[in-house]
Amino acid sequence: MQNQQLIDYINQQLQQGVPIDAIKIALRQSGWNENDVNQAMSAVSIPHPNSNPNGSPGQMQVKPKSGRLVWELLILIILIVAGAVVYVLYPDLAKSLISNLGI
């Protein structure tokens, strides 16, 4: 008899990208017997790394990355440019700010 809790756990781990072998090892170390683990694995649809329902075979689908890194880099560049502009346009102000910081 298949254990739905075990099947749900395996599906969750696969969705998070955990390799099948790592899931099996973790389950065995947690006390699940090998027969139950194998039955649950056979009930789960295991994705193949080269399969892509939206593309051609052998072509992995690339997920878009978060835009947060782009925003962080943009802010960093703006701060660097602003610092350079202040240093060039107001050299006395920049020197006094640097001396006040003790650098």
PDB file of N, CA and C in Angstrom:
ATOM      1  N   MET A   1       0.848  -1.193   0.000  1.00  0.00           N
ATOM      2  CA  MET A   1       0.000   0.000   0.000  1.00  0.00           C
ATOM      3  C   MET A   1       0.885   1.245   0.000  1.00  0.00           C
ATOM      4  N   GLN A   2       0.547   2.222  -0.838  1.00  0.00           N
ATOM      5  CA  GLN A   2       1.345   3.426  -0.956  1.00  0.00           C
ATOM      6  C   GLN A   2       0.943   4.439   0.115  1.00  0.00           C
ATOM      7  N   ASN A   3       1.933   5.106   0.651  1.00  0.00           N
ATOM      8  CA  ASN A   3       1.731   6.089   1.696  1.00  0.00           C
ATOM      9  C   ASN A   3       1.666   7.478   1.043  1.00  0.00           C
ATOM     10  N   GLN A   4       0.502   8.141   1.136  1.00  0.00           N
ATOM     11  CA  GLN A   4       0.324   9.442   0.484  1.00  0.00           C
ATOM     12  C   GLN A   4       1.253  10.491   1.070  1.00  0.00           C
ATOM     13  N   GLN A   5       1.518  10.409   2.368  1.00  0.00           N
ATOM     14  CA  GLN A   5       2.430  11.361   3.004  1.00  0.00           C
ATOM     15  C   GLN A   5       3.827  11.244   2.382  1.00  0.00           C
ATOM     16  N   LEU A   6       4.262  10.036   2.145  1.00  0.00           N
ATOM     17  CA  LEU A   6       5.563   9.791   1.546  1.00  0.00           C
ATOM     18  C   LEU A   6       5.598  10.312   0.110  1.00  0.00           C
ATOM     19  N   ILE A   7       4.547  10.061  -0.651  1.00  0.00           N
ATOM     20  CA  ILE A   7       4.461  10.532  -2.036  1.00  0.00           C
ATOM     21  C   ILE A   7       4.477  12.060  -2.082  1.00  0.00           C
ATOM     22  N   ASP A   8       3.723  12.695  -1.191  1.00  0.00           N
ATOM     23  CA  ASP A   8       3.688  14.164  -1.149  1.00  0.00           C
ATOM     24  C   ASP A   8       5.065  14.735  -0.821  1.00  0.00           C
ATOM     25  N   TYR A   9       5.763  14.092   0.121  1.00  0.00           N
ATOM     26  CA  TYR A   9       7.098  14.546   0.492  1.00  0.00           C
ATOM     27  C   TYR A   9       8.049  14.443  -0.712  1.00  0.00           C
ATOM     28  N   ILE A  10       8.001  13.330  -1.413  1.00  0.00           N
ATOM     29  CA  ILE A  10       8.876  13.128  -2.571  1.00  0.00           C
ATOM     30  C   ILE A  10       8.577  14.175  -3.639  1.00  0.00           C
ATOM     31  N   ASN A  11       7.295  14.414  -3.917  1.00  0.00           N
ATOM     32  CA  ASN A  11       6.921  15.437  -4.898  1.00  0.00           C
ATOM     33  C   ASN A  11       7.438  16.816  -4.498  1.00  0.00           C
ATOM     34  N   GLN A  12       7.307  17.149  -3.219  1.00  0.00           N
ATOM     35  CA  GLN A  12       7.777  18.444  -2.717  1.00  0.00           C
ATOM     36  C   GLN A  12       9.282  18.580  -2.910  1.00  0.00           C
ATOM     37  N   GLN A  13      10.018  17.529  -2.574  1.00  0.00           N
ATOM     38  CA  GLN A  13      11.470  17.573  -2.715  1.00  0.00           C
ATOM     39  C   GLN A  13      11.886  17.691  -4.179  1.00  0.00           C
ATOM     40  N   LEU A  14      11.203  16.966  -5.058  1.00  0.00           N
ATOM     41  CA  LEU A  14      11.520  17.043  -6.482  1.00  0.00           C
ATOM     42  C   LEU A  14      11.253  18.440  -7.032  1.00  0.00           C
ATOM     43  N   GLN A  15      10.168  19.071  -6.579  1.00  0.00           N
ATOM     44  CA  GLN A  15       9.850  20.427  -7.034  1.00  0.00           C
ATOM     45  C   GLN A  15      10.909  21.424  -6.576  1.00  0.00           C
ATOM     46  N   GLN A  16      11.557  21.134  -5.448  1.00  0.00           N
ATOM     47  CA  GLN A  16      12.620  22.005  -4.952  1.00  0.00           C
ATOM     48  C   GLN A  16      13.955  21.695  -5.601  1.00  0.00           C
ATOM     49  N   GLY A  17      13.984  20.688  -6.469  1.00  0.00           N
ATOM     50  CA  GLY A  17      15.212  20.378  -7.197  1.00  0.00           C
ATOM     51  C   GLY A  17      16.150  19.407  -6.504  1.00  0.00           C
ATOM     52  N   VAL A  18      15.663  18.722  -5.469  1.00  0.00           N
ATOM     53  CA  VAL A  18      16.498  17.759  -4.750  1.00  0.00           C
ATOM     54  C   VAL A  18      16.652  16.506  -5.620  1.00  0.00           C
ATOM     55  N   PRO A  19      17.886  16.013  -5.797  1.00  0.00           N
ATOM     56  CA  PRO A  19      18.088  14.812  -6.609  1.00  0.00           C
ATOM     57  C   PRO A  19      17.393  13.587  -6.003  1.00  0.00           C
ATOM     58  N   ILE A  20      16.966  12.684  -6.875  1.00  0.00           N
ATOM     59  CA  ILE A  20      16.224  11.495  -6.456  1.00  0.00           C
ATOM     60  C   ILE A  20      17.030  10.658  -5.466  1.00  0.00           C
ATOM     61  N   ASP A  21      18.317  10.472  -5.759  1.00  0.00           N
ATOM     62  CA  ASP A  21      19.152   9.668  -4.867  1.00  0.00           C
ATOM     63  C   ASP A  21      19.238  10.281  -3.472  1.00  0.00           C
ATOM     64  N   ALA A  22      19.307  11.609  -3.405  1.00  0.00           N
ATOM     65  CA  ALA A  22      19.376  12.285  -2.102  1.00  0.00           C
ATOM     66  C   ALA A  22      18.068  12.103  -1.327  1.00  0.00           C
ATOM     67  N   ILE A  23      16.951  12.116  -2.045  1.00  0.00           N
ATOM     68  CA  ILE A  23      15.655  11.903  -1.389  1.00  0.00           C
ATOM     69  C   ILE A  23      15.595  10.496  -0.818  1.00  0.00           C
ATOM     70  N   LYS A  24      16.009   9.503  -1.619  1.00  0.00           N
ATOM     71  CA  LYS A  24      15.989   8.115  -1.151  1.00  0.00           C
ATOM     72  C   LYS A  24      16.864   7.938   0.087  1.00  0.00           C
ATOM     73  N   ILE A  25      18.049   8.522   0.063  1.00  0.00           N
ATOM     74  CA  ILE A  25      18.968   8.399   1.213  1.00  0.00           C
ATOM     75  C   ILE A  25      18.354   9.040   2.452  1.00  0.00           C
ATOM     76  N   ALA A  26      17.771  10.224   2.290  1.00  0.00           N
ATOM     77  CA  ALA A  26      17.169  10.924   3.429  1.00  0.00           C
ATOM     78  C   ALA A  26      16.011  10.120   4.020  1.00  0.00           C
ATOM     79  N   LEU A  27      15.201   9.526   3.152  1.00  0.00           N
ATOM     80  CA  LEU A  27      14.068   8.734   3.632  1.00  0.00           C
ATOM     81  C   LEU A  27      14.540   7.480   4.361  1.00  0.00           C
ATOM     82  N   ARG A  28      15.564   6.834   3.819  1.00  0.00           N
ATOM     83  CA  ARG A  28      16.096   5.625   4.465  1.00  0.00           C
ATOM     84  C   ARG A  28      16.693   5.980   5.831  1.00  0.00           C
ATOM     85  N   GLN A  29      17.371   7.118   5.908  1.00  0.00           N
ATOM     86  CA  GLN A  29      17.964   7.550   7.176  1.00  0.00           C
ATOM     87  C   GLN A  29      16.898   7.979   8.178  1.00  0.00           C
ATOM     88  N   SER A  30      15.726   8.355   7.677  1.00  0.00           N
ATOM     89  CA  SER A  30      14.619   8.755   8.559  1.00  0.00           C
ATOM     90  C   SER A  30      13.801   7.570   9.040  1.00  0.00           C
ATOM     91  N   GLY A  31      14.159   6.363   8.581  1.00  0.00           N
ATOM     92  CA  GLY A  31      13.488   5.177   9.079  1.00  0.00           C
ATOM     93  C   GLY A  31      12.493   4.536   8.132  1.00  0.00           C
ATOM     94  N   TRP A  32      12.293   5.086   6.949  1.00  0.00           N
ATOM     95  CA  TRP A  32      11.387   4.473   5.986  1.00  0.00           C
ATOM     96  C   TRP A  32      12.053   3.230   5.417  1.00  0.00           C
ATOM     97  N   ASN A  33      11.272   2.147   5.237  1.00  0.00           N
ATOM     98  CA  ASN A  33      11.886   0.944   4.677  1.00  0.00           C
ATOM     99  C   ASN A  33      11.987   1.072   3.159  1.00  0.00           C
ATOM    100  N   GLU A  34      12.921   0.346   2.607  1.00  0.00           N
ATOM    101  CA  GLU A  34      13.259   0.475   1.193  1.00  0.00           C
ATOM    102  C   GLU A  34      12.077   0.146   0.276  1.00  0.00           C
ATOM    103  N   ASN A  35      11.275  -0.822   0.665  1.00  0.00           N
ATOM    104  CA  ASN A  35      10.127  -1.213  -0.146  1.00  0.00           C
ATOM    105  C   ASN A  35       9.112  -0.073  -0.243  1.00  0.00           C
ATOM    106  N   ASP A  36       8.806   0.578   0.893  1.00  0.00           N
ATOM    107  CA  ASP A  36       7.871   1.705   0.887  1.00  0.00           C
ATOM    108  C   ASP A  36       8.409   2.863   0.040  1.00  0.00           C
ATOM    109  N   VAL A  37       9.707   3.135   0.166  1.00  0.00           N
ATOM    110  CA  VAL A  37      10.324   4.219  -0.594  1.00  0.00           C
ATOM    111  C   VAL A  37      10.235   3.924  -2.087  1.00  0.00           C
ATOM    112  N   ASN A  38      10.554   2.699  -2.483  1.00  0.00           N
ATOM    113  CA  ASN A  38      10.511   2.330  -3.901  1.00  0.00           C
ATOM    114  C   ASN A  38       9.095   2.390  -4.464  1.00  0.00           C
ATOM    115  N   GLN A  39       8.106   1.941  -3.674  1.00  0.00           N
ATOM    116  CA  GLN A  39       6.718   2.020  -4.127  1.00  0.00           C
ATOM    117  C   GLN A  39       6.281   3.467  -4.314  1.00  0.00           C
ATOM    118  N   ALA A  40       6.664   4.323  -3.370  1.00  0.00           N
ATOM    119  CA  ALA A  40       6.299   5.742  -3.471  1.00  0.00           C
ATOM    120  C   ALA A  40       6.992   6.392  -4.670  1.00  0.00           C
ATOM    121  N   MET A  41       8.231   6.020  -4.892  1.00  0.00           N
ATOM    122  CA  MET A  41       8.965   6.573  -6.039  1.00  0.00           C
ATOM    123  C   MET A  41       8.305   6.167  -7.360  1.00  0.00           C
ATOM    124  N   SER A  42       7.801   4.946  -7.406  1.00  0.00           N
ATOM    125  CA  SER A  42       7.164   4.496  -8.643  1.00  0.00           C
ATOM    126  C   SER A  42       5.822   5.200  -8.871  1.00  0.00           C
ATOM    127  N   ALA A  43       5.212   5.718  -7.811  1.00  0.00           N
ATOM    128  CA  ALA A  43       3.931   6.413  -7.938  1.00  0.00           C
ATOM    129  C   ALA A  43       4.110   7.885  -8.300  1.00  0.00           C
ATOM    130  N   VAL A  44       5.333   8.370  -8.196  1.00  0.00           N
ATOM    131  CA  VAL A  44       5.624   9.777  -8.451  1.00  0.00           C
ATOM    132  C   VAL A  44       6.129   9.921  -9.884  1.00  0.00           C
ATOM    133  N   SER A  45       5.686  10.970 -10.566  1.00  0.00           N
ATOM    134  CA  SER A  45       6.227  11.219 -11.906  1.00  0.00           C
ATOM    135  C   SER A  45       7.522  11.997 -11.737  1.00  0.00           C
ATOM    136  N   ILE A  46       8.603  11.351 -12.069  1.00  0.00           N
ATOM    137  CA  ILE A  46       9.928  11.929 -11.880  1.00  0.00           C
ATOM    138  C   ILE A  46      10.316  12.652 -13.163  1.00  0.00           C
ATOM    139  N   PRO A  47      10.606  13.966 -13.053  1.00  0.00           N
ATOM    140  CA  PRO A  47      10.977  14.719 -14.253  1.00  0.00           C
ATOM    141  C   PRO A  47      12.357  14.302 -14.746  1.00  0.00           C
ATOM    142  N   HIS A  48      12.493  14.213 -16.051  1.00  0.00           N
ATOM    143  CA  HIS A  48      13.787  13.913 -16.647  1.00  0.00           C
ATOM    144  C   HIS A  48      14.471  15.217 -16.994  1.00  0.00           C
ATOM    145  N   PRO A  49      15.797  15.332 -16.732  1.00  0.00           N
ATOM    146  CA  PRO A  49      16.481  16.599 -16.955  1.00  0.00           C
ATOM    147  C   PRO A  49      16.447  17.073 -18.402  1.00  0.00           C
ATOM    148  N   ASN A  50      16.310  16.160 -19.371  1.00  0.00           N
ATOM    149  CA  ASN A  50      16.326  16.565 -20.766  1.00  0.00           C
ATOM    150  C   ASN A  50      14.934  16.748 -21.357  1.00  0.00           C
ATOM    151  N   SER A  51      13.896  16.612 -20.520  1.00  0.00           N
ATOM    152  CA  SER A  51      12.549  16.776 -21.057  1.00  0.00           C
ATOM    153  C   SER A  51      12.054  18.186 -20.774  1.00  0.00           C
ATOM    154  N   ASN A  52      11.379  18.738 -21.742  1.00  0.00           N
ATOM    155  CA  ASN A  52      10.845  20.088 -21.621  1.00  0.00           C
ATOM    156  C   ASN A  52       9.516  20.125 -22.365  1.00  0.00           C
ATOM    157  N   PRO A  53       8.401  20.237 -21.638  1.00  0.00           N
ATOM    158  CA  PRO A  53       7.109  20.219 -22.309  1.00  0.00           C
ATOM    159  C   PRO A  53       6.895  21.410 -23.239  1.00  0.00           C
ATOM    160  N   ASN A  54       7.608  22.511 -23.026  1.00  0.00           N
ATOM    161  CA  ASN A  54       7.402  23.714 -23.829  1.00  0.00           C
ATOM    162  C   ASN A  54       8.466  23.915 -24.899  1.00  0.00           C
ATOM    163  N   GLY A  55       9.375  22.974 -25.042  1.00  0.00           N
ATOM    164  CA  GLY A  55      10.446  23.161 -26.014  1.00  0.00           C
ATOM    165  C   GLY A  55      10.795  21.860 -26.684  1.00  0.00           C
ATOM    166  N   SER A  56      11.886  21.905 -27.402  1.00  0.00           N
ATOM    167  CA  SER A  56      12.306  20.703 -28.098  1.00  0.00           C
ATOM    168  C   SER A  56      13.022  19.772 -27.134  1.00  0.00           C
ATOM    169  N   PRO A  57      13.064  18.468 -27.441  1.00  0.00           N
ATOM    170  CA  PRO A  57      13.748  17.531 -26.543  1.00  0.00           C
ATOM    171  C   PRO A  57      15.207  17.913 -26.377  1.00  0.00           C
ATOM    172  N   GLY A  58      15.685  17.776 -25.145  1.00  0.00           N
ATOM    173  CA  GLY A  58      17.079  18.076 -24.850  1.00  0.00           C
ATOM    174  C   GLY A  58      17.334  19.542 -24.575  1.00  0.00           C
ATOM    175  N   GLN A  59      16.297  20.356 -24.582  1.00  0.00           N
ATOM    176  CA  GLN A  59      16.468  21.778 -24.363  1.00  0.00           C
ATOM    177  C   GLN A  59      15.757  22.155 -23.071  1.00  0.00           C
ATOM    178  N   MET A  60      16.516  22.564 -22.065  1.00  0.00           N
ATOM    179  CA  MET A  60      15.944  22.925 -20.778  1.00  0.00           C
ATOM    180  C   MET A  60      15.312  24.319 -20.866  1.00  0.00           C
ATOM    181  N   GLN A  61      14.228  24.488 -20.152  1.00  0.00           N
ATOM    182  CA  GLN A  61      13.569  25.788 -20.105  1.00  0.00           C
ATOM    183  C   GLN A  61      14.275  26.640 -19.068  1.00  0.00           C
ATOM    184  N   VAL A  62      14.617  27.869 -19.418  1.00  0.00           N
ATOM    185  CA  VAL A  62      15.309  28.775 -18.510  1.00  0.00           C
ATOM    186  C   VAL A  62      14.280  29.658 -17.847  1.00  0.00           C
ATOM    187  N   LYS A  63      14.290  29.661 -16.514  1.00  0.00           N
ATOM    188  CA  LYS A  63      13.363  30.508 -15.783  1.00  0.00           C
ATOM    189  C   LYS A  63      13.957  31.910 -15.659  1.00  0.00           C
ATOM    190  N   PRO A  64      13.128  32.938 -15.773  1.00  0.00           N
ATOM    191  CA  PRO A  64      13.655  34.294 -15.622  1.00  0.00           C
ATOM    192  C   PRO A  64      14.107  34.542 -14.190  1.00  0.00           C
ATOM    193  N   LYS A  65      15.215  35.245 -14.055  1.00  0.00           N
ATOM    194  CA  LYS A  65      15.755  35.556 -12.736  1.00  0.00           C
ATOM    195  C   LYS A  65      15.009  36.744 -12.148  1.00  0.00           C
ATOM    196  N   SER A  66      15.138  36.874 -10.862  1.00  0.00           N
ATOM    197  CA  SER A  66      14.504  37.984 -10.171  1.00  0.00           C
ATOM    198  C   SER A  66      15.152  39.294 -10.588  1.00  0.00           C
ATOM    199  N   GLY A  67      14.377  40.353 -10.643  1.00  0.00           N
ATOM    200  CA  GLY A  67      14.897  41.651 -11.023  1.00  0.00           C
ATOM    201  C   GLY A  67      15.584  42.374  -9.883  1.00  0.00           C
ATOM    202  N   ARG A  68      15.620  41.761  -8.720  1.00  0.00           N
ATOM    203  CA  ARG A  68      16.207  42.434  -7.551  1.00  0.00           C
ATOM    204  C   ARG A  68      17.688  42.720  -7.764  1.00  0.00           C
ATOM    205  N   LEU A  69      18.415  41.773  -8.320  1.00  0.00           N
ATOM    206  CA  LEU A  69      19.847  41.967  -8.542  1.00  0.00           C
ATOM    207  C   LEU A  69      20.088  43.124  -9.500  1.00  0.00           C
ATOM    208  N   VAL A  70      19.255  43.240 -10.511  1.00  0.00           N
ATOM    209  CA  VAL A  70      19.390  44.333 -11.468  1.00  0.00           C
ATOM    210  C   VAL A  70      19.207  45.669 -10.762  1.00  0.00           C
ATOM    211  N   TRP A  71      18.204  45.759  -9.916  1.00  0.00           N
ATOM    212  CA  TRP A  71      17.967  47.009  -9.182  1.00  0.00           C
ATOM    213  C   TRP A  71      19.114  47.336  -8.237  1.00  0.00           C
ATOM    214  N   GLU A  72      19.646  46.313  -7.557  1.00  0.00           N
ATOM    215  CA  GLU A  72      20.765  46.546  -6.640  1.00  0.00           C
ATOM    216  C   GLU A  72      21.990  47.046  -7.388  1.00  0.00           C
ATOM    217  N   LEU A  73      22.275  46.457  -8.545  1.00  0.00           N
ATOM    218  CA  LEU A  73      23.414  46.909  -9.343  1.00  0.00           C
ATOM    219  C   LEU A  73      23.192  48.319  -9.875  1.00  0.00           C
ATOM    220  N   LEU A  74      21.985  48.618 -10.289  1.00  0.00           N
ATOM    221  CA  LEU A  74      21.663  49.957 -10.785  1.00  0.00           C
ATOM    222  C   LEU A  74      21.868  51.008  -9.698  1.00  0.00           C
ATOM    223  N   ILE A  75      21.417  50.737  -8.498  1.00  0.00           N
ATOM    224  CA  ILE A  75      21.591  51.666  -7.381  1.00  0.00           C
ATOM    225  C   ILE A  75      23.070  51.846  -7.056  1.00  0.00           C
ATOM    226  N   LEU A  76      23.825  50.757  -7.079  1.00  0.00           N
ATOM    227  CA  LEU A  76      25.256  50.825  -6.809  1.00  0.00           C
ATOM    228  C   LEU A  76      25.957  51.691  -7.854  1.00  0.00           C
ATOM    229  N   ILE A  77      25.613  51.508  -9.116  1.00  0.00           N
ATOM    230  CA  ILE A  77      26.227  52.308 -10.180  1.00  0.00           C
ATOM    231  C   ILE A  77      25.877  53.782 -10.013  1.00  0.00           C
ATOM    232  N   ILE A  78      24.616  54.065  -9.673  1.00  0.00           N
ATOM    233  CA  ILE A  78      24.202  55.456  -9.466  1.00  0.00           C
ATOM    234  C   ILE A  78      24.987  56.088  -8.318  1.00  0.00           C
ATOM    235  N   LEU A  79      25.180  55.361  -7.232  1.00  0.00           N
ATOM    236  CA  LEU A  79      25.937  55.894  -6.098  1.00  0.00           C
ATOM    237  C   LEU A  79      27.394  56.157  -6.476  1.00  0.00           C
ATOM    238  N   ILE A  80      27.986  55.252  -7.243  1.00  0.00           N
ATOM    239  CA  ILE A  80      29.376  55.441  -7.657  1.00  0.00           C
ATOM    240  C   ILE A  80      29.502  56.652  -8.574  1.00  0.00           C
ATOM    241  N   VAL A  81      28.586  56.774  -9.533  1.00  0.00           N
ATOM    242  CA  VAL A  81      28.614  57.919 -10.443  1.00  0.00           C
ATOM    243  C   VAL A  81      28.386  59.217  -9.669  1.00  0.00           C
ATOM    244  N   ALA A  82      27.440  59.228  -8.742  1.00  0.00           N
ATOM    245  CA  ALA A  82      27.173  60.430  -7.945  1.00  0.00           C
ATOM    246  C   ALA A  82      28.408  60.813  -7.132  1.00  0.00           C
ATOM    247  N   GLY A  83      29.085  59.835  -6.561  1.00  0.00           N
ATOM    248  CA  GLY A  83      30.309  60.116  -5.817  1.00  0.00           C
ATOM    249  C   GLY A  83      31.391  60.695  -6.705  1.00  0.00           C
ATOM    250  N   ALA A  84      31.537  60.169  -7.912  1.00  0.00           N
ATOM    251  CA  ALA A  84      32.543  60.680  -8.846  1.00  0.00           C
ATOM    252  C   ALA A  84      32.211  62.106  -9.274  1.00  0.00           C
ATOM    253  N   VAL A  85      30.917  62.378  -9.512  1.00  0.00           N
ATOM    254  CA  VAL A  85      30.500  63.725  -9.909  1.00  0.00           C
ATOM    255  C   VAL A  85      30.800  64.715  -8.787  1.00  0.00           C
ATOM    256  N   VAL A  86      30.493  64.385  -7.569  1.00  0.00           N
ATOM    257  CA  VAL A  86      30.780  65.268  -6.430  1.00  0.00           C
ATOM    258  C   VAL A  86      32.280  65.485  -6.305  1.00  0.00           C
ATOM    259  N   TYR A  87      33.059  64.449  -6.493  1.00  0.00           N
ATOM    260  CA  TYR A  87      34.513  64.546  -6.363  1.00  0.00           C
ATOM    261  C   TYR A  87      35.098  65.452  -7.443  1.00  0.00           C
ATOM    262  N   VAL A  88      34.537  65.369  -8.667  1.00  0.00           N
ATOM    263  CA  VAL A  88      35.059  66.173  -9.772  1.00  0.00           C
ATOM    264  C   VAL A  88      34.550  67.613  -9.700  1.00  0.00           C
ATOM    265  N   LEU A  89      33.260  67.802  -9.458  1.00  0.00           N
ATOM    266  CA  LEU A  89      32.680  69.148  -9.481  1.00  0.00           C
ATOM    267  C   LEU A  89      32.961  69.940  -8.211  1.00  0.00           C
ATOM    268  N   TYR A  90      33.063  69.266  -7.090  1.00  0.00           N
ATOM    269  CA  TYR A  90      33.275  69.952  -5.809  1.00  0.00           C
ATOM    270  C   TYR A  90      34.459  69.306  -5.082  1.00  0.00           C
ATOM    271  N   PRO A  91      35.681  69.522  -5.569  1.00  0.00           N
ATOM    272  CA  PRO A  91      36.825  68.837  -4.969  1.00  0.00           C
ATOM    273  C   PRO A  91      37.066  69.240  -3.507  1.00  0.00           C
ATOM    274  N   ASP A  92      36.822  70.510  -3.175  1.00  0.00           N
ATOM    275  CA  ASP A  92      37.036  70.943  -1.794  1.00  0.00           C
ATOM    276  C   ASP A  92      36.033  70.279  -0.853  1.00  0.00           C
ATOM    277  N   LEU A  93      34.781  70.176  -1.291  1.00  0.00           N
ATOM    278  CA  LEU A  93      33.753  69.522  -0.488  1.00  0.00           C
ATOM    279  C   LEU A  93      34.089  68.047  -0.296  1.00  0.00           C
ATOM    280  N   ALA A  94      34.505  67.402  -1.372  1.00  0.00           N
ATOM    281  CA  ALA A  94      34.856  65.984  -1.289  1.00  0.00           C
ATOM    282  C   ALA A  94      36.027  65.780  -0.339  1.00  0.00           C
ATOM    283  N   LYS A  95      37.035  66.633  -0.414  1.00  0.00           N
ATOM    284  CA  LYS A  95      38.205  66.495   0.471  1.00  0.00           C
ATOM    285  C   LYS A  95      37.823  66.721   1.931  1.00  0.00           C
ATOM    286  N   SER A  96      36.938  67.696   2.184  1.00  0.00           N
ATOM    287  CA  SER A  96      36.531  67.948   3.572  1.00  0.00           C
ATOM    288  C   SER A  96      35.692  66.781   4.102  1.00  0.00           C
ATOM    289  N   LEU A  97      34.838  66.199   3.262  1.00  0.00           N
ATOM    290  CA  LEU A  97      34.057  65.038   3.686  1.00  0.00           C
ATOM    291  C   LEU A  97      34.964  63.853   3.989  1.00  0.00           C
ATOM    292  N   ILE A  98      35.960  63.651   3.139  1.00  0.00           N
ATOM    293  CA  ILE A  98      36.886  62.532   3.341  1.00  0.00           C
ATOM    294  C   ILE A  98      37.703  62.747   4.612  1.00  0.00           C
ATOM    295  N   SER A  99      38.152  63.990   4.848  1.00  0.00           N
ATOM    296  CA  SER A  99      38.948  64.259   6.044  1.00  0.00           C
ATOM    297  C   SER A  99      38.095  64.121   7.310  1.00  0.00           C
ATOM    298  N   ASN A 100      36.822  64.480   7.227  1.00  0.00           N
ATOM    299  CA  ASN A 100      35.927  64.316   8.382  1.00  0.00           C
ATOM    300  C   ASN A 100      35.699  62.850   8.726  1.00  0.00           C
ATOM    301  N   LEU A 101      35.742  61.986   7.703  1.00  0.00           N
ATOM    302  CA  LEU A 101      35.576  60.559   7.942  1.00  0.00           C
ATOM    303  C   LEU A 101      36.843  59.930   8.509  1.00  0.00           C
ATOM    304  N   GLY A 102      37.958  60.623   8.394  1.00  0.00           N
ATOM    305  CA  GLY A 102      39.208  60.087   8.925  1.00  0.00           C
ATOM    306  C   GLY A 102      39.885  59.122   7.977  1.00  0.00           C
ATOM    307  N   ILE A 103      39.600  59.247   6.711  1.00  0.00           N
ATOM    308  CA  ILE A 103      40.208  58.345   5.726  1.00  0.00           C
ATOM    309  C   ILE A 103      41.468  58.972   5.183  1.00  0.00           C
TER     310      ILE A 103
END
